[in-house]
């Protein structure tokens, strides 16, 4: 018999957030390969899409896992073996693994949305990047740069635009909508990503979403994100090669300190496990996922089979984002017991 969950604690917590001033949120819980419960609150309706910022990153990394499983990418090899133009600036020794782990050494490397969305301009920019530290010696969060390299690797090895590859090989087979590279004319029923004013000045959400920035340009519902994490738990149709998926979601390859959180980075080839990012998804030692600016969160918990997504809009305070996501994550983890 399927395990029944009681969403009342999450529902009441979400209602209270709206009463207390949060403009809107969506919550979704997955289990046994399905969505067990989802609901929208405040300004969000059932079909409202949210920009999920860096919670996009594991979806892009999962496209690399396909290429790894097809023996088209060897993470031990340097990026220049696949992208010769990446040479220069000391980057010749940077491996694919280091890019996936964010120990690659170029956290501040620039790439504008329109620039990165254009294959020719993207490779021109990649060639100008220079190392900021010796690869493999430090973990530093690469907010956007590392995933532009992953986008280039996807295109080189698949022959497809990286956004189309992710749709054709990841989201569509999983029964999910396109999440990256949404034209301006189709950016309807979207709520804004709430950021501090200092960050809003340098952020063009329409351009970010249209470009499908691989490190943070995804848009989706909470249900879509929770279903993606259910897929990582159950691998429907054998989408990913099982040993690659097990490694990517369960094998911590980097425990170097994360200077932002003063914790071990706890990085796999695409997700953070356990205490990474300040226990954003509670105290579970095996939960894996990724948070996003604006308080967005998605994760899976293998011990209970729960996947969870909480998306929010209308509060620009980053400390509140984090605290709210943590509260909801802990409530979700209790549902699995």
Protein backbone atom coordinates (compact mmCIF):
# COMPACT_ATOMS: atom_id res chain seq x y z
CA UNK A 1 0.00 0.00 0.00
CA UNK A 2 1.24 3.48 -0.85
CA UNK A 3 2.39 5.49 2.12
CA UNK A 4 -0.04 8.34 2.78
CA UNK A 5 1.28 11.71 3.84
CA UNK A 6 -0.51 14.35 5.82
CA UNK A 7 0.25 17.74 4.25
CA UNK A 8 -1.54 19.69 6.98
CA UNK A 9 1.65 21.00 8.67
CA UNK A 10 3.00 22.31 5.36
CA UNK A 11 -0.37 23.75 4.35
CA UNK A 12 -0.83 25.58 7.63
CA UNK A 13 2.74 26.89 7.55
CA UNK A 14 2.23 28.24 4.04
CA UNK A 15 -1.06 29.91 4.97
CA UNK A 16 0.65 31.57 7.92
CA UNK A 17 3.43 32.90 5.66
CA UNK A 18 0.84 34.56 3.43
CA UNK A 19 -0.94 36.07 6.43
CA UNK A 20 2.42 37.36 7.67
CA UNK A 21 3.12 39.14 4.38
CA UNK A 22 4.73 36.72 1.91
CA UNK A 23 3.19 37.42 -1.51
CA UNK A 24 3.08 33.84 -2.71
CA UNK A 25 4.55 30.37 -2.59
CA UNK A 26 4.20 26.87 -3.98
CA UNK A 27 4.90 23.62 -2.16
CA UNK A 28 5.22 20.11 -3.59
CA UNK A 29 6.00 16.74 -2.03
CA UNK A 30 6.86 13.68 -4.08
CA UNK A 31 6.97 10.03 -3.08
CA UNK A 32 7.04 6.64 -4.84
CA UNK A 33 7.72 8.28 -8.19
CA UNK A 34 4.71 10.59 -8.04
CA UNK A 35 3.58 13.88 -6.58
CA UNK A 36 1.88 13.12 -3.28
CA UNK A 37 0.70 16.68 -2.68
CA UNK A 38 1.15 20.14 -4.08
CA UNK A 39 -0.57 23.46 -3.43
CA UNK A 40 -0.17 27.13 -4.32
CA UNK A 41 -0.74 30.07 -2.00
CA UNK A 42 -1.14 33.84 -2.24
CA UNK A 43 -0.51 35.29 -5.69
CA UNK A 44 0.55 31.88 -7.03
CA UNK A 45 -1.95 29.66 -8.82
CA UNK A 46 -1.54 25.98 -9.71
CA UNK A 47 0.12 26.79 -13.05
CA UNK A 48 2.24 29.71 -11.87
CA UNK A 49 5.90 29.31 -12.75
CA UNK A 50 8.72 30.55 -10.55
CA UNK A 51 12.26 31.49 -11.51
CA UNK A 52 14.25 28.97 -9.49
CA UNK A 53 17.69 30.62 -9.82
CA UNK A 54 20.51 28.24 -8.86
CA UNK A 55 18.09 25.39 -8.16
CA UNK A 56 18.44 25.02 -11.96
CA UNK A 57 21.99 23.69 -11.57
CA UNK A 58 21.28 19.98 -10.86
CA UNK A 59 19.03 19.74 -13.93
CA UNK A 60 21.89 20.95 -16.12
CA UNK A 61 24.38 18.68 -14.35
CA UNK A 62 22.04 15.73 -14.95
CA UNK A 63 22.50 16.28 -18.70
CA UNK A 64 26.24 15.77 -18.19
CA UNK A 65 25.44 12.52 -16.39
CA UNK A 66 23.78 11.26 -19.59
CA UNK A 67 26.92 12.03 -21.58
CA UNK A 68 29.11 10.41 -18.92
CA UNK A 69 26.94 7.30 -19.06
CA UNK A 70 27.28 7.19 -22.84
CA UNK A 71 31.08 7.40 -22.52
CA UNK A 72 31.13 10.72 -24.36
CA UNK A 73 32.50 12.59 -21.33
CA UNK A 74 35.26 11.40 -18.99
CA UNK A 75 35.27 13.66 -15.95
CA UNK A 76 38.97 12.97 -15.35
CA UNK A 77 39.97 14.59 -18.63
CA UNK A 78 40.71 18.29 -19.08
CA UNK A 79 37.99 20.48 -20.53
CA UNK A 80 40.34 21.44 -23.38
CA UNK A 81 40.18 17.86 -24.65
CA UNK A 82 36.56 18.58 -25.56
CA UNK A 83 36.70 22.36 -26.04
CA UNK A 84 40.14 23.28 -27.43
CA UNK A 85 39.24 26.99 -27.42
CA UNK A 86 39.05 26.89 -23.63
CA UNK A 87 42.86 26.90 -23.62
CA UNK A 88 44.60 29.95 -22.15
CA UNK A 89 44.68 31.85 -18.90
CA UNK A 90 46.12 28.83 -17.12
CA UNK A 91 42.97 26.76 -17.71
CA UNK A 92 44.59 23.91 -19.63
CA UNK A 93 44.66 21.54 -16.64
CA UNK A 94 41.08 22.19 -15.48
CA UNK A 95 39.17 18.89 -15.56
CA UNK A 96 35.48 18.30 -16.14
CA UNK A 97 35.26 16.94 -12.60
CA UNK A 98 36.66 20.17 -11.17
CA UNK A 99 34.07 22.16 -13.11
CA UNK A 100 31.24 20.00 -11.74
CA UNK A 101 32.66 20.32 -8.21
CA UNK A 102 33.31 24.07 -8.48
CA UNK A 103 36.98 23.65 -7.60
CA UNK A 104 37.92 24.78 -11.11
CA UNK A 105 39.27 28.19 -10.18
CA UNK A 106 37.27 30.84 -12.05
CA UNK A 107 34.28 31.78 -9.83
CA UNK A 108 34.18 35.40 -11.02
CA UNK A 109 34.54 34.76 -14.76
CA UNK A 110 32.02 36.94 -16.63
CA UNK A 111 29.35 35.92 -19.15
CA UNK A 112 26.35 38.04 -20.09
CA UNK A 113 23.01 36.33 -20.81
CA UNK A 114 22.88 37.17 -24.52
CA UNK A 115 26.59 36.41 -24.86
CA UNK A 116 26.25 32.97 -23.30
CA UNK A 117 23.14 32.13 -25.28
CA UNK A 118 25.02 32.59 -28.56
CA UNK A 119 27.41 29.69 -29.24
CA UNK A 120 30.05 31.75 -31.04
CA UNK A 121 30.09 34.57 -28.54
CA UNK A 122 30.11 32.12 -25.64
CA UNK A 123 33.26 30.36 -26.81
CA UNK A 124 34.97 33.70 -27.43
CA UNK A 125 34.27 34.68 -23.84
CA UNK A 126 35.33 31.30 -22.42
CA UNK A 127 38.69 31.72 -24.13
CA UNK A 128 39.33 34.99 -22.27
CA UNK A 129 38.78 33.59 -18.76
CA UNK A 130 41.76 33.33 -16.43
CA UNK A 131 42.28 31.28 -13.30
CA UNK A 132 41.79 32.96 -9.93
CA UNK A 133 43.33 30.08 -7.96
CA UNK A 134 44.95 26.72 -8.66
CA UNK A 135 42.30 24.18 -9.73
CA UNK A 136 41.46 21.53 -7.18
CA UNK A 137 42.91 23.40 -4.20
CA UNK A 138 39.83 25.32 -3.07
CA UNK A 139 36.06 25.15 -3.23
CA UNK A 140 34.50 28.48 -4.17
CA UNK A 141 30.90 28.82 -5.27
CA UNK A 142 30.76 29.48 -9.02
CA UNK A 143 27.39 31.20 -9.36
CA UNK A 144 27.28 31.11 -13.15
CA UNK A 145 30.67 30.46 -14.71
CA UNK A 146 31.07 26.71 -14.18
CA UNK A 147 27.71 25.91 -15.71
CA UNK A 148 28.50 27.88 -18.87
CA UNK A 149 31.35 25.42 -19.34
CA UNK A 150 28.91 22.55 -18.82
CA UNK A 151 26.62 24.08 -21.45
CA UNK A 152 29.49 24.17 -23.93
CA UNK A 153 30.39 20.55 -23.16
CA UNK A 154 26.78 19.48 -23.73
CA UNK A 155 26.70 21.18 -27.11
CA UNK A 156 30.09 19.83 -28.22
CA UNK A 157 29.24 16.25 -27.34
CA UNK A 158 25.58 16.17 -28.37
CA UNK A 159 25.48 18.46 -31.39
CA UNK A 160 22.41 20.15 -29.94
CA UNK A 161 21.79 23.51 -28.30
CA UNK A 162 22.19 22.79 -24.58
CA UNK A 163 18.67 24.01 -23.80
CA UNK A 164 17.19 21.76 -26.47
CA UNK A 165 19.26 18.80 -25.28
CA UNK A 166 17.95 19.22 -21.74
CA UNK A 167 14.39 19.36 -23.04
CA UNK A 168 14.76 16.41 -25.41
CA UNK A 169 16.81 14.14 -23.16
CA UNK A 170 15.78 15.13 -19.61
CA UNK A 171 12.53 16.99 -19.14
CA UNK A 172 10.44 15.57 -22.00
CA UNK A 173 11.23 11.90 -21.22
CA UNK A 174 10.26 12.62 -17.60
CA UNK A 175 6.96 14.19 -18.67
CA UNK A 176 8.12 17.65 -17.62
CA UNK A 177 7.87 20.92 -19.56
CA UNK A 178 10.77 22.87 -21.02
CA UNK A 179 12.51 24.75 -18.21
CA UNK A 180 15.41 26.54 -19.93
CA UNK A 181 15.44 29.06 -22.75
CA UNK A 182 11.89 30.42 -22.56
CA UNK A 183 11.20 33.15 -25.18
CA UNK A 184 9.99 36.50 -23.95
CA UNK A 185 6.60 35.91 -25.58
CA UNK A 186 6.17 32.75 -23.49
CA UNK A 187 7.21 34.23 -20.16
CA UNK A 188 3.62 34.35 -18.98
CA UNK A 189 2.23 33.40 -15.60
CA UNK A 190 5.61 34.03 -14.00
CA UNK A 191 6.09 35.56 -10.58
CA UNK A 192 9.21 37.66 -9.97
CA UNK A 193 12.32 36.38 -8.25
CA UNK A 194 12.60 38.44 -5.07
CA UNK A 195 16.15 39.69 -4.48
CA UNK A 196 17.68 42.48 -2.39
CA UNK A 197 17.67 45.84 -4.12
CA UNK A 198 21.46 45.79 -4.46
CA UNK A 199 21.23 42.63 -6.58
CA UNK A 200 18.16 43.69 -8.54
CA UNK A 201 20.09 46.59 -10.12
CA UNK A 202 22.32 44.14 -12.00
CA UNK A 203 19.66 41.55 -12.80
CA UNK A 204 17.48 41.45 -15.93
CA UNK A 205 15.07 38.57 -15.26
CA UNK A 206 13.57 38.53 -18.74
CA UNK A 207 17.03 38.25 -20.36
CA UNK A 208 18.18 35.61 -17.86
CA UNK A 209 15.13 33.43 -18.52
CA UNK A 210 15.23 33.91 -22.30
CA UNK A 211 18.91 32.95 -22.41
CA UNK A 212 18.30 29.94 -20.21
CA UNK A 213 21.37 30.69 -18.11
CA UNK A 214 22.50 27.17 -17.10
CA UNK A 215 23.54 28.24 -13.62
CA UNK A 216 20.28 29.96 -12.77
CA UNK A 217 17.81 30.65 -15.60
CA UNK A 218 15.27 27.88 -15.11
CA UNK A 219 11.56 28.50 -14.59
CA UNK A 220 9.11 25.89 -13.32
CA UNK A 221 6.46 25.01 -10.81
CA UNK A 222 7.22 23.39 -7.49
CA UNK A 223 5.62 20.21 -8.85
CA UNK A 224 8.08 20.12 -11.76
CA UNK A 225 11.07 20.44 -9.46
CA UNK A 226 9.79 17.81 -7.01
CA UNK A 227 9.09 15.43 -9.90
CA UNK A 228 12.63 15.90 -11.19
CA UNK A 229 13.99 14.84 -7.79
CA UNK A 230 11.66 11.84 -7.73
CA UNK A 231 13.22 10.87 -11.06
CA UNK A 232 16.68 11.02 -9.48
CA UNK A 233 15.45 8.63 -6.79
CA UNK A 234 13.71 6.17 -9.15
CA UNK A 235 15.44 6.59 -12.56
CA UNK A 236 12.28 5.93 -14.61
CA UNK A 237 12.93 4.06 -17.83
CA UNK A 238 16.61 3.83 -16.93
CA UNK A 239 17.12 7.39 -18.18
CA UNK A 240 20.55 7.60 -16.57
CA UNK A 241 23.05 4.76 -16.39
CA UNK A 242 22.50 3.44 -12.85
CA UNK A 243 26.11 3.55 -11.69
CA UNK A 244 26.51 7.13 -12.94
CA UNK A 245 23.30 8.23 -11.22
CA UNK A 246 24.31 6.53 -7.97
CA UNK A 247 27.67 8.27 -8.04
CA UNK A 248 26.18 11.65 -8.95
CA UNK A 249 23.60 11.64 -6.16
CA UNK A 250 25.43 9.74 -3.43
CA UNK A 251 29.20 10.05 -3.75
CA UNK A 252 30.69 13.13 -2.07
CA UNK A 253 33.80 14.00 -4.07
CA UNK A 254 34.59 17.36 -2.48
CA UNK A 255 34.68 18.12 1.24
CA UNK A 256 36.82 21.24 0.97
CA UNK A 257 35.47 24.06 3.16
CA UNK A 258 32.76 26.27 1.72
CA UNK A 259 33.80 29.79 2.75
CA UNK A 260 30.22 31.06 2.44
CA UNK A 261 28.80 28.60 4.96
CA UNK A 262 31.87 27.59 6.98
CA UNK A 263 30.97 23.96 6.32
CA UNK A 264 32.38 21.19 4.11
CA UNK A 265 31.17 21.69 0.55
CA UNK A 266 29.81 18.10 0.44
CA UNK A 267 29.69 18.19 -3.36
CA UNK A 268 28.99 15.39 -5.78
CA UNK A 269 29.04 15.75 -9.55
CA UNK A 270 26.10 18.13 -9.44
CA UNK A 271 24.36 18.21 -6.05
CA UNK A 272 25.09 18.97 -2.41
CA UNK A 273 24.55 16.22 0.16
CA UNK A 274 23.64 16.59 3.82
CA UNK A 275 24.94 19.62 5.65
CA UNK A 276 26.00 21.56 2.57
CA UNK A 277 24.62 25.08 2.17
CA UNK A 278 23.95 25.31 5.88
CA UNK A 279 21.54 22.35 6.08
CA UNK A 280 19.07 24.09 3.77
CA UNK A 281 17.15 20.82 3.51
CA UNK A 282 17.20 19.96 7.19
CA UNK A 283 19.43 17.66 9.17
CA UNK A 284 19.28 14.56 6.98
CA UNK A 285 22.80 13.22 6.22
CA UNK A 286 21.68 11.76 2.88
CA UNK A 287 19.31 14.39 1.46
CA UNK A 288 20.67 15.90 -1.75
CA UNK A 289 19.64 18.95 -3.71
CA UNK A 290 20.36 22.58 -4.42
CA UNK A 291 18.91 25.93 -3.26
CA UNK A 292 18.38 29.04 -5.32
CA UNK A 293 18.44 32.76 -4.71
CA UNK A 294 15.09 34.09 -3.61
CA UNK A 295 14.58 31.18 -1.24
CA UNK A 296 13.86 28.47 -3.81
CA UNK A 297 14.63 24.90 -2.78
CA UNK A 298 14.51 21.41 -4.22
CA UNK A 299 15.84 18.16 -2.77
CA UNK A 300 15.37 14.41 -2.42
CA UNK A 301 15.80 12.28 0.71
CA UNK A 302 16.74 8.68 -0.20
CA UNK A 303 16.09 7.22 3.27
CA UNK A 304 12.40 8.14 3.14
CA UNK A 305 11.83 8.49 -0.60
CA UNK A 306 10.58 12.04 -0.17
CA UNK A 307 11.29 14.75 -2.71
CA UNK A 308 10.39 18.32 -1.95
CA UNK A 309 10.20 21.73 -3.50
CA UNK A 310 9.37 25.08 -1.93
CA UNK A 311 9.27 28.18 -4.14
CA UNK A 312 8.52 31.68 -2.88
CA UNK A 313 8.08 35.26 -4.07
CA UNK A 314 7.55 38.66 -2.50
CA UNK A 315 10.22 38.92 0.22
CA UNK A 316 13.57 40.52 -0.71
CA UNK A 317 15.30 39.63 2.57
CA UNK A 318 17.88 36.87 2.03
CA UNK A 319 18.04 35.83 5.69
CA UNK A 320 14.28 35.34 5.69
CA UNK A 321 14.49 33.30 2.49
CA UNK A 322 16.94 30.89 4.05
CA UNK A 323 15.10 30.54 7.36
CA UNK A 324 11.76 29.99 5.62
CA UNK A 325 13.15 27.35 3.25
CA UNK A 326 14.77 25.55 6.18
CA UNK A 327 11.52 25.50 8.16
CA UNK A 328 9.58 24.06 5.26
CA UNK A 329 12.30 21.53 4.47
CA UNK A 330 12.24 20.20 8.03
CA UNK A 331 8.46 19.90 7.90
CA UNK A 332 8.73 17.94 4.65
CA UNK A 333 11.34 15.56 6.05
CA UNK A 334 8.99 14.66 8.90
CA UNK A 335 6.43 13.47 6.37
CA UNK A 336 8.68 10.59 5.44
CA UNK A 337 8.63 8.99 8.86
